[in-house]
Amino acid sequence: MKSFFLNGQKYCTYDQPNLFDLLSYFDYNTALLVVEYNAVITSKSEWKNILISDNDKIEIVTIVGGG
């Protein structure tokens, strides 16, 4: 079993999802996100190639428009 941290919350999985699948599972609107994976900002084009591993740290910032 692998554990990872998403916005500071610990989660566990038996699978090894990629970052895109993880964001989809948690129902994030991927059009409005900035994702930091292990302290590195990632581009959307990389999300399907990043496999979640044990003790990874993922931080998600949702972009909100307004004025």
Protein backbone atom coordinates (compact mmCIF):
# COMPACT_ATOMS: atom_id res chain seq x y z
CA MET A 1 0.00 0.00 0.00
CA LYS A 2 1.19 3.50 -0.85
CA SER A 3 0.41 6.65 1.08
CA PHE A 4 0.47 10.17 -0.32
CA PHE A 5 -0.47 13.63 0.87
CA LEU A 6 -3.01 15.77 -0.95
CA ASN A 7 -3.25 19.34 0.37
CA GLY A 8 -1.80 18.13 3.67
CA GLN A 9 -4.29 15.25 4.08
CA LYS A 10 -2.88 11.70 4.09
CA TYR A 11 -4.46 9.14 1.75
CA CYS A 12 -3.62 5.50 1.02
CA THR A 13 -3.99 3.44 -2.15
CA TYR A 14 -3.11 -0.03 -3.40
CA ASP A 15 -2.98 1.26 -6.98
CA GLN A 16 -0.44 3.56 -8.57
CA PRO A 17 -2.61 6.16 -10.29
CA ASN A 18 -1.20 8.93 -12.39
CA LEU A 19 -1.71 12.52 -11.31
CA PHE A 20 -4.47 13.14 -13.87
CA ASP A 21 -6.48 10.10 -12.67
CA LEU A 22 -6.07 11.23 -9.07
CA LEU A 23 -7.39 14.71 -9.86
CA SER A 24 -10.32 13.17 -11.73
CA TYR A 25 -11.07 10.80 -8.83
CA PHE A 26 -11.29 13.74 -6.42
CA ASP A 27 -13.51 15.55 -8.99
CA TYR A 28 -11.29 18.58 -9.53
CA ASN A 29 -12.00 20.82 -12.51
CA THR A 30 -8.65 20.36 -14.24
CA ALA A 31 -9.15 23.51 -16.34
CA LEU A 32 -8.77 25.72 -13.26
CA LEU A 33 -5.87 24.17 -11.35
CA VAL A 34 -2.25 24.72 -10.53
CA VAL A 35 -0.66 21.53 -9.22
CA GLU A 36 2.53 21.28 -7.19
CA TYR A 37 3.96 17.76 -7.09
CA ASN A 38 6.77 17.21 -4.57
CA ALA A 39 7.48 20.95 -4.44
CA VAL A 40 7.58 21.38 -8.24
CA ILE A 41 4.85 23.13 -10.27
CA THR A 42 3.72 20.70 -12.98
CA SER A 43 2.21 21.45 -16.36
CA LYS A 44 -1.05 19.85 -17.40
CA SER A 45 0.71 18.02 -20.23
CA GLU A 46 2.78 16.08 -17.63
CA TRP A 47 -0.10 14.91 -15.42
CA LYS A 48 -0.75 11.61 -17.20
CA ASN A 49 2.96 10.71 -17.00
CA ILE A 50 3.40 11.35 -13.27
CA LEU A 51 2.75 8.20 -11.25
CA ILE A 52 1.85 8.65 -7.59
CA SER A 53 4.43 7.01 -5.34
CA ASP A 54 4.76 6.44 -1.62
CA ASN A 55 4.97 9.66 0.45
CA ASP A 56 4.42 11.99 -2.52
CA LYS A 57 3.17 15.45 -1.63
CA ILE A 58 0.60 17.08 -3.90
CA GLU A 59 -0.71 20.60 -3.40
CA ILE A 60 -3.59 21.91 -5.49
CA VAL A 61 -4.49 25.55 -5.95
CA THR A 62 -7.81 26.34 -7.60
CA ILE A 63 -7.90 29.47 -9.73
CA VAL A 64 -10.88 31.69 -9.01
CA GLY A 65 -11.79 34.68 -11.15
CA GLY A 66 -13.31 37.81 -9.84
CA GLY A 67 -12.87 41.47 -9.52
